[in-house]
Amino acid sequence: MADGVHAVAQGYVLDVQGRWGGGHRAALSLSATVSTKPMSQSAIRLSTISSAGSAKSTARKTSATVQSGYGRSAPSTSATSASILRETALPFLQDLFEATRETVHLGVREGHGVVYVERIHGHGAPLMPSRIGGSLPLTCTGVGKALLAFSSPELTEEVLAALLPRLAPHSITEPAGIRTAIEQVQASGLAYEDQESALGVSCIAAPVFSGGEAVAALSVAVPRSRFRPAQLAPAVRTTALGLSRVLRAGA
């Protein structure tokens, strides 16, 4: 992992008030039901994420820094571009956390791993190996699989040719299994992780695009006992689309 990414990550503060100007706030309009807990305890309606005002100016800087080819995952991300991307994404991530009340991640690819540039969680979050500035294998995480699915064929073959790591008993260590997962992500736009990085934790993730390229991925991770993909998917997909729209607008 690049030292620059570590340097930026060490300066991150999980502050749910945010560290952006008021004009950078993204708005959630609520319409599709999302619930990660029993409906009697939690029912939140969510549909389209729209960006407000000067978020586009921040996104313009972001996309200028990180965009390149079409329909693929970006090359390794520098400390500066990761920082700008994080600042642009933070309002969306916070809204996703408010909608689900579950752990939210934002990650970028660095070599064969995913580096977490933001993580927002509440009290009682499940124990998981993700840390801001930390790296996990692409093949063991929802965020990683979302990025790998939109990487170049050359990178995919390079990853699959190496010994696939095992972080937990359910990690996929056979290339055929990862190929199947990649095909599913490419078809649906969503990546899933079922106890592949930590026992008892499941995850749903989606890629974030800029200029046709996946520059990041975001996810919601929950205890497996209350993992309801059909209810989480609209929130994750809508958040990724909203952030991608802001990044593309600045391209």
Protein backbone atom coordinates (compact mmCIF):
# COMPACT_ATOMS: atom_id res chain seq x y z
CA MET A 1 0.00 0.00 0.00
CA ALA A 2 1.25 3.45 -0.84
CA ASP A 3 2.60 5.49 2.09
CA GLY A 4 0.69 8.50 0.74
CA VAL A 5 -2.64 6.80 1.28
CA HIS A 6 -1.59 6.02 4.87
CA ALA A 7 -0.66 9.66 5.40
CA VAL A 8 -4.04 10.91 4.25
CA ALA A 9 -5.95 8.21 6.11
CA GLN A 10 -4.23 9.01 9.39
CA GLY A 11 -5.65 12.51 9.19
CA TYR A 12 -9.23 11.37 8.76
CA VAL A 13 -11.73 12.02 11.53
CA LEU A 14 -15.00 10.15 11.74
CA ASP A 15 -17.08 13.23 12.41
CA VAL A 16 -20.72 12.79 11.59
CA GLN A 17 -21.12 16.56 11.44
CA GLY A 18 -18.88 16.48 8.35
CA ARG A 19 -16.00 18.69 7.32
CA TRP A 20 -17.46 20.49 4.32
CA GLY A 21 -19.20 23.74 3.63
CA GLY A 22 -22.96 23.93 3.78
CA GLY A 23 -23.19 24.12 -0.01
CA HIS A 24 -21.58 20.70 -0.32
CA ARG A 25 -24.40 18.90 1.50
CA ALA A 26 -26.11 16.20 -0.54
CA ALA A 27 -29.84 15.70 -0.19
CA LEU A 28 -31.70 12.41 0.09
CA SER A 29 -35.28 12.32 -1.09
CA LEU A 30 -37.06 9.37 0.46
CA SER A 31 -39.34 6.97 -1.39
CA ALA A 32 -38.27 3.28 -1.45
CA THR A 33 -38.47 1.39 1.82
CA VAL A 34 -35.17 0.38 3.39
CA SER A 35 -34.94 -1.62 6.58
CA THR A 36 -32.03 -3.56 8.02
CA LYS A 37 -33.80 -4.23 11.32
CA PRO A 38 -37.28 -5.64 11.92
CA MET A 39 -39.84 -3.35 10.36
CA SER A 40 -41.40 -2.63 13.72
CA GLN A 41 -38.15 -1.01 14.79
CA SER A 42 -36.96 0.71 11.65
CA ALA A 43 -38.51 1.71 8.33
CA ILE A 44 -36.85 4.39 6.25
CA ARG A 45 -37.85 5.41 2.78
CA LEU A 46 -35.17 6.21 0.26
CA SER A 47 -35.03 6.79 -3.47
CA THR A 48 -33.06 9.38 -5.41
CA ILE A 49 -29.95 11.12 -4.19
CA SER A 50 -29.45 14.58 -5.63
CA SER A 51 -26.46 16.81 -5.11
CA ALA A 52 -26.73 20.45 -4.15
CA GLY A 53 -24.92 23.55 -5.32
CA SER A 54 -21.20 23.62 -4.99
CA ALA A 55 -20.74 19.87 -4.58
CA LYS A 56 -20.14 19.98 -8.33
CA SER A 57 -17.09 22.17 -7.92
CA THR A 58 -15.55 19.66 -5.54
CA ALA A 59 -16.51 16.81 -7.86
CA ARG A 60 -14.89 18.63 -10.77
CA LYS A 61 -11.57 18.57 -8.94
CA THR A 62 -12.08 14.92 -8.04
CA SER A 63 -12.88 13.69 -11.52
CA ALA A 64 -10.03 15.69 -13.02
CA THR A 65 -7.69 13.87 -10.65
CA VAL A 66 -8.95 10.31 -10.82
CA GLN A 67 -10.69 9.68 -14.14
CA SER A 68 -9.21 7.84 -17.12
CA GLY A 69 -10.57 4.92 -19.24
CA TYR A 70 -14.11 3.64 -19.81
CA GLY A 71 -15.92 1.08 -17.67
CA ARG A 72 -12.89 0.01 -15.65
CA SER A 73 -11.45 0.44 -12.20
CA ALA A 74 -9.04 3.33 -11.78
CA PRO A 75 -5.32 2.76 -11.26
CA SER A 76 -3.93 3.01 -7.75
CA THR A 77 -5.17 6.19 -6.11
CA SER A 78 -2.80 8.87 -4.80
CA ALA A 79 -3.13 10.39 -1.35
CA THR A 80 -4.37 13.68 -2.81
CA SER A 81 -7.05 12.16 -5.03
CA ALA A 82 -8.20 9.84 -2.22
CA SER A 83 -8.60 12.84 0.05
CA ILE A 84 -10.61 14.81 -2.52
CA LEU A 85 -12.75 11.78 -3.31
CA ARG A 86 -13.44 11.23 0.37
CA GLU A 87 -14.52 14.84 0.90
CA THR A 88 -16.90 14.63 -2.07
CA ALA A 89 -18.34 11.29 -0.96
CA LEU A 90 -18.73 12.03 2.74
CA PRO A 91 -22.21 13.65 2.58
CA PHE A 92 -23.51 10.68 0.61
CA LEU A 93 -21.94 8.19 3.01
CA GLN A 94 -23.44 9.95 6.00
CA ASP A 95 -26.88 9.91 4.42
CA LEU A 96 -26.47 6.19 3.70
CA PHE A 97 -25.54 5.61 7.34
CA GLU A 98 -28.56 7.61 8.50
CA ALA A 99 -30.81 5.56 6.22
CA THR A 100 -29.50 2.15 7.28
CA ARG A 101 -27.87 2.74 10.70
CA GLU A 102 -25.25 0.20 9.67
CA THR A 103 -21.51 0.40 9.00
CA VAL A 104 -20.72 2.25 5.76
CA HIS A 105 -17.42 1.99 3.88
CA LEU A 106 -15.74 3.82 1.01
CA GLY A 107 -12.72 2.17 -0.59
CA VAL A 108 -10.34 2.62 -3.50
CA ARG A 109 -8.13 0.10 -5.23
CA GLU A 110 -4.43 -0.01 -4.39
CA GLY A 111 -2.68 -2.84 -6.23
CA HIS A 112 -4.44 -6.10 -5.40
CA GLY A 113 -6.12 -4.62 -2.34
CA VAL A 114 -8.82 -2.20 -1.37
CA VAL A 115 -7.79 0.73 0.85
CA TYR A 116 -10.55 2.09 3.06
CA VAL A 117 -10.66 5.88 2.92
CA GLU A 118 -13.77 6.25 5.06
CA ARG A 119 -15.76 4.17 7.53
CA ILE A 120 -18.81 5.37 9.44
CA HIS A 121 -20.38 3.22 12.13
CA GLY A 122 -22.55 3.50 15.20
CA HIS A 123 -22.48 1.96 18.65
CA GLY A 124 -22.50 -1.81 18.70
CA ALA A 125 -21.10 -2.23 15.18
CA PRO A 126 -19.92 -5.80 14.47
CA LEU A 127 -16.22 -6.55 14.71
CA MET A 128 -14.67 -6.43 11.25
CA PRO A 129 -11.14 -6.03 9.90
CA SER A 130 -11.73 -2.82 7.92
CA ARG A 131 -9.88 0.25 9.16
CA ILE A 132 -9.43 3.71 7.65
CA GLY A 133 -6.13 3.60 5.81
CA GLY A 134 -6.04 -0.18 6.10
CA SER A 135 -6.00 -2.60 3.17
CA LEU A 136 -7.82 -5.88 2.57
CA PRO A 137 -7.68 -8.23 -0.44
CA LEU A 138 -9.96 -7.36 -3.34
CA THR A 139 -11.32 -10.90 -3.43
CA CYS A 140 -12.41 -11.03 0.23
CA THR A 141 -14.61 -7.95 0.44
CA GLY A 142 -17.73 -6.58 -1.22
CA VAL A 143 -16.00 -3.28 -1.95
CA GLY A 144 -13.04 -5.14 -3.45
CA LYS A 145 -15.19 -7.33 -5.68
CA ALA A 146 -17.12 -4.28 -6.88
CA LEU A 147 -13.82 -2.68 -7.92
CA LEU A 148 -12.37 -5.87 -9.40
CA ALA A 149 -15.47 -6.42 -11.54
CA PHE A 150 -14.79 -3.15 -13.36
CA SER A 151 -11.02 -3.47 -13.55
CA SER A 152 -9.08 -4.33 -16.67
CA PRO A 153 -9.05 -8.00 -17.76
CA GLU A 154 -5.30 -7.93 -17.28
CA LEU A 155 -5.62 -7.00 -13.60
CA THR A 156 -8.30 -9.61 -13.05
CA GLU A 157 -6.08 -12.33 -14.51
CA GLU A 158 -3.14 -11.10 -12.46
CA VAL A 159 -5.18 -11.29 -9.25
CA LEU A 160 -6.57 -14.73 -10.05
CA ALA A 161 -3.16 -16.10 -11.01
CA ALA A 162 -1.84 -15.39 -7.51
CA LEU A 163 -2.65 -17.40 -4.41
CA LEU A 164 -6.05 -16.12 -3.30
CA PRO A 165 -5.96 -15.12 0.38
CA ARG A 166 -8.23 -16.48 3.08
CA LEU A 167 -9.30 -14.00 5.76
CA ALA A 168 -12.12 -16.13 7.13
CA PRO A 169 -13.42 -19.68 6.69
CA HIS A 170 -15.86 -18.51 4.00
CA SER A 171 -13.33 -16.58 1.89
CA ILE A 172 -13.46 -17.60 -1.77
CA THR A 173 -10.05 -19.06 -2.63
CA GLU A 174 -10.87 -20.72 -5.97
CA PRO A 175 -10.44 -18.60 -9.13
CA ALA A 176 -13.66 -20.05 -10.58
CA GLY A 177 -15.61 -18.77 -7.59
CA ILE A 178 -14.20 -15.26 -7.98
CA ARG A 179 -14.93 -15.29 -11.72
CA THR A 180 -18.54 -16.17 -10.99
CA ALA A 181 -18.77 -13.38 -8.41
CA ILE A 182 -17.29 -10.87 -10.88
CA GLU A 183 -19.80 -11.86 -13.55
CA GLN A 184 -22.65 -11.37 -11.08
CA VAL A 185 -21.38 -7.90 -10.15
CA GLN A 186 -21.05 -6.91 -13.79
CA ALA A 187 -24.61 -8.08 -14.45
CA SER A 188 -26.30 -6.55 -11.41
CA GLY A 189 -24.05 -3.63 -10.45
CA LEU A 190 -23.92 -4.95 -6.88
CA ALA A 191 -21.31 -7.02 -5.05
CA TYR A 192 -21.97 -9.26 -2.09
CA GLU A 193 -19.81 -10.60 0.71
CA ASP A 194 -21.03 -13.34 3.01
CA GLN A 195 -18.66 -13.82 5.96
CA GLU A 196 -15.65 -13.72 3.62
CA SER A 197 -13.62 -11.19 5.62
CA ALA A 198 -15.05 -11.82 9.08
CA LEU A 199 -17.37 -14.38 10.62
CA GLY A 200 -20.86 -13.11 11.26
CA VAL A 201 -20.61 -10.13 8.89
CA SER A 202 -22.24 -9.72 5.48
CA CYS A 203 -21.95 -6.84 3.06
CA ILE A 204 -23.45 -5.34 -0.07
CA ALA A 205 -21.40 -2.94 -2.22
CA ALA A 206 -21.62 -0.93 -5.44
CA PRO A 207 -19.01 0.73 -7.66
CA VAL A 208 -18.72 4.50 -7.95
CA PHE A 209 -17.96 5.82 -11.43
CA SER A 210 -16.38 8.95 -12.85
CA GLY A 211 -16.12 9.41 -16.58
CA GLY A 212 -17.16 5.80 -17.13
CA GLU A 213 -14.51 4.43 -14.78
CA ALA A 214 -14.93 2.87 -11.36
CA VAL A 215 -12.85 5.11 -9.10
CA ALA A 216 -14.16 3.74 -5.81
CA ALA A 217 -16.78 1.50 -4.25
CA LEU A 218 -19.03 1.92 -1.24
CA SER A 219 -20.76 -0.62 0.95
CA VAL A 220 -22.99 -1.34 3.89
CA ALA A 221 -21.81 -4.08 6.25
CA VAL A 222 -24.19 -5.65 8.76
CA PRO A 223 -24.34 -8.59 11.17
CA ARG A 224 -25.37 -11.61 9.14
CA SER A 225 -28.37 -12.18 11.39
CA ARG A 226 -30.03 -9.04 10.02
CA PHE A 227 -28.64 -9.03 6.50
CA ARG A 228 -31.53 -8.33 4.12
CA PRO A 229 -30.05 -7.66 0.66
CA ALA A 230 -33.38 -6.85 -0.98
CA GLN A 231 -33.94 -4.03 1.48
CA LEU A 232 -30.36 -2.72 1.53
CA ALA A 233 -29.78 -2.87 -2.23
CA PRO A 234 -31.87 0.21 -3.17
CA ALA A 235 -30.04 2.39 -0.63
CA VAL A 236 -26.58 1.20 -1.69
CA ARG A 237 -27.34 1.44 -5.40
CA THR A 238 -28.95 4.89 -5.09
CA THR A 239 -26.05 6.26 -3.05
CA ALA A 240 -23.49 4.99 -5.56
CA LEU A 241 -25.48 6.42 -8.46
CA GLY A 242 -25.87 9.78 -6.75
CA LEU A 243 -22.16 10.07 -5.99
CA SER A 244 -21.29 8.92 -9.52
CA ARG A 245 -23.60 11.59 -10.94
CA VAL A 246 -21.77 14.31 -9.02
CA LEU A 247 -18.37 13.03 -10.12
CA ARG A 248 -19.44 12.75 -13.75
CA ALA A 249 -20.94 16.23 -13.69
CA GLY A 250 -17.49 17.60 -12.94
CA ALA A 251 -15.77 15.55 -15.63
